Amino acid sequence: MSEKPIVMYGTDWCLDCVRSKSFLQKHAIPFTWVNIDKDKEGERYVREVNGGNRSVPTIVFQDGSILVEPSNKELGEKLGIGAA
């Protein structure tokens, strides 16, 4: 999938994607970004795991778990860090 433990699928125009990317960057969490507007395989994957919907961000973790459109609080809890 990727050399980094987290893969985030999203779009450049999605404000939740921008927020989630910023959260990971602020906490120095490495991740791979897949823009589903430019990566059709990424878009297919997002639709597959979201019942046909293009729900973003879809964030896949090393343990195989997935968060879809998480809040900073949910993301922080998953990663064991604060939500700030």
C-alpha atoms as a PDB file:
ATOM      1  CA  MET A   1       0.000   0.000   0.000  1.00  0.00           C
ATOM      2  CA  SER A   2       2.596   2.532   1.115  1.00  0.00           C
ATOM      3  CA  GLU A   3       5.895   2.923   2.906  1.00  0.00           C
ATOM      4  CA  LYS A   4       4.219   5.168   5.501  1.00  0.00           C
ATOM      5  CA  PRO A   5       1.885   3.652   8.088  1.00  0.00           C
ATOM      6  CA  ILE A   6      -1.074   5.969   7.363  1.00  0.00           C
ATOM      7  CA  VAL A   7      -2.697   6.573   3.992  1.00  0.00           C
ATOM      8  CA  MET A   8      -5.156   9.449   3.639  1.00  0.00           C
ATOM      9  CA  TYR A   9      -7.482   9.499   0.657  1.00  0.00           C
ATOM     10  CA  GLY A  10      -9.038  12.862  -0.099  1.00  0.00           C
ATOM     11  CA  THR A  11      -9.317  15.850  -2.401  1.00  0.00           C
ATOM     12  CA  ASP A  12      -7.666  19.269  -2.450  1.00  0.00           C
ATOM     13  CA  TRP A  13     -11.036  21.059  -2.226  1.00  0.00           C
ATOM     14  CA  CYS A  14     -12.295  19.136   0.840  1.00  0.00           C
ATOM     15  CA  LEU A  15     -12.014  21.251   4.002  1.00  0.00           C
ATOM     16  CA  ASP A  16     -12.148  18.159   6.244  1.00  0.00           C
ATOM     17  CA  CYS A  17      -9.205  16.762   4.267  1.00  0.00           C
ATOM     18  CA  VAL A  18      -7.242  19.997   4.726  1.00  0.00           C
ATOM     19  CA  ARG A  19      -8.008  19.931   8.472  1.00  0.00           C
ATOM     20  CA  SER A  20      -6.999  16.268   8.866  1.00  0.00           C
ATOM     21  CA  LYS A  21      -3.778  16.787   6.876  1.00  0.00           C
ATOM     22  CA  SER A  22      -2.941  19.796   9.020  1.00  0.00           C
ATOM     23  CA  PHE A  23      -3.582  17.796  12.202  1.00  0.00           C
ATOM     24  CA  LEU A  24      -1.232  14.998  11.126  1.00  0.00           C
ATOM     25  CA  GLN A  25       1.438  17.457   9.992  1.00  0.00           C
ATOM     26  CA  LYS A  26       1.182  19.455  13.252  1.00  0.00           C
ATOM     27  CA  HIS A  27       1.839  16.262  15.220  1.00  0.00           C
ATOM     28  CA  ALA A  28       4.612  15.094  12.838  1.00  0.00           C
ATOM     29  CA  ILE A  29       2.685  11.948  11.926  1.00  0.00           C
ATOM     30  CA  PRO A  30       3.970  10.595   8.600  1.00  0.00           C
ATOM     31  CA  PHE A  31       1.302   9.775   6.040  1.00  0.00           C
ATOM     32  CA  THR A  32       0.832   9.214   2.362  1.00  0.00           C
ATOM     33  CA  TRP A  33      -1.641  11.508   0.599  1.00  0.00           C
ATOM     34  CA  VAL A  34      -3.762  10.127  -2.248  1.00  0.00           C
ATOM     35  CA  ASN A  35      -5.794  12.710  -4.161  1.00  0.00           C
ATOM     36  CA  ILE A  36      -8.775  10.737  -5.460  1.00  0.00           C
ATOM     37  CA  ASP A  37      -9.506  13.422  -8.064  1.00  0.00           C
ATOM     38  CA  LYS A  38      -6.206  12.459  -9.732  1.00  0.00           C
ATOM     39  CA  ASP A  39      -5.828   8.814  -8.683  1.00  0.00           C
ATOM     40  CA  LYS A  40      -8.644   6.659 -10.079  1.00  0.00           C
ATOM     41  CA  GLU A  41      -7.466   3.558  -8.191  1.00  0.00           C
ATOM     42  CA  GLY A  42      -7.615   5.597  -4.993  1.00  0.00           C
ATOM     43  CA  GLU A  43     -11.123   6.756  -5.866  1.00  0.00           C
ATOM     44  CA  ARG A  44     -12.174   3.159  -6.541  1.00  0.00           C
ATOM     45  CA  TYR A  45     -10.816   2.097  -3.151  1.00  0.00           C
ATOM     46  CA  VAL A  46     -12.654   4.922  -1.334  1.00  0.00           C
ATOM     47  CA  ARG A  47     -15.922   3.988  -3.043  1.00  0.00           C
ATOM     48  CA  GLU A  48     -15.353   0.324  -2.198  1.00  0.00           C
ATOM     49  CA  VAL A  49     -14.846   0.870   1.537  1.00  0.00           C
ATOM     50  CA  ASN A  50     -17.599   3.508   1.785  1.00  0.00           C
ATOM     51  CA  GLY A  51     -20.497   1.671   0.175  1.00  0.00           C
ATOM     52  CA  GLY A  52     -20.131   3.424  -3.180  1.00  0.00           C
ATOM     53  CA  ASN A  53     -19.681   6.903  -1.700  1.00  0.00           C
ATOM     54  CA  ARG A  54     -16.725   9.239  -2.245  1.00  0.00           C
ATOM     55  CA  SER A  55     -16.496   9.998   1.474  1.00  0.00           C
ATOM     56  CA  VAL A  56     -13.294  11.853   2.295  1.00  0.00           C
ATOM     57  CA  PRO A  57     -11.073  11.952   4.080  1.00  0.00           C
ATOM     58  CA  THR A  58     -10.855   8.194   4.312  1.00  0.00           C
ATOM     59  CA  ILE A  59      -7.848   7.412   6.491  1.00  0.00           C
ATOM     60  CA  VAL A  60      -6.335   3.923   6.578  1.00  0.00           C
ATOM     61  CA  PHE A  61      -4.043   2.965   9.455  1.00  0.00           C
ATOM     62  CA  GLN A  62      -1.265   0.393   9.616  1.00  0.00           C
ATOM     63  CA  ASP A  63      -3.478  -1.969  11.649  1.00  0.00           C
ATOM     64  CA  GLY A  64      -6.020  -1.990   8.806  1.00  0.00           C
ATOM     65  CA  SER A  65      -8.568   0.169  10.613  1.00  0.00           C
ATOM     66  CA  ILE A  66     -10.252   3.022   8.756  1.00  0.00           C
ATOM     67  CA  LEU A  67     -11.650   6.365   9.881  1.00  0.00           C
ATOM     68  CA  VAL A  68     -13.944   8.269   7.530  1.00  0.00           C
ATOM     69  CA  GLU A  69     -14.422  12.008   7.952  1.00  0.00           C
ATOM     70  CA  PRO A  70     -13.003  11.915  11.511  1.00  0.00           C
ATOM     71  CA  SER A  71     -12.961  14.897  13.815  1.00  0.00           C
ATOM     72  CA  ASN A  72      -9.615  15.987  15.257  1.00  0.00           C
ATOM     73  CA  LYS A  73     -10.754  14.404  18.535  1.00  0.00           C
ATOM     74  CA  GLU A  74     -11.390  11.035  16.851  1.00  0.00           C
ATOM     75  CA  LEU A  75      -8.095  11.215  14.988  1.00  0.00           C
ATOM     76  CA  GLY A  76      -6.212  12.147  18.154  1.00  0.00           C
ATOM     77  CA  GLU A  77      -7.817   9.294  20.098  1.00  0.00           C
ATOM     78  CA  LYS A  78      -6.895   6.797  17.383  1.00  0.00           C
ATOM     79  CA  LEU A  79      -3.293   8.022  17.407  1.00  0.00           C
ATOM     80  CA  GLY A  80      -3.053   8.346  21.198  1.00  0.00           C
ATOM     81  CA  ILE A  81      -2.462  12.105  21.101  1.00  0.00           C
ATOM     82  CA  GLY A  82      -4.473  15.196  22.012  1.00  0.00           C
ATOM     83  CA  ALA A  83      -6.979  16.773  19.674  1.00  0.00           C
ATOM     84  CA  ALA A  84      -5.437  20.257  19.702  1.00  0.00           C
END
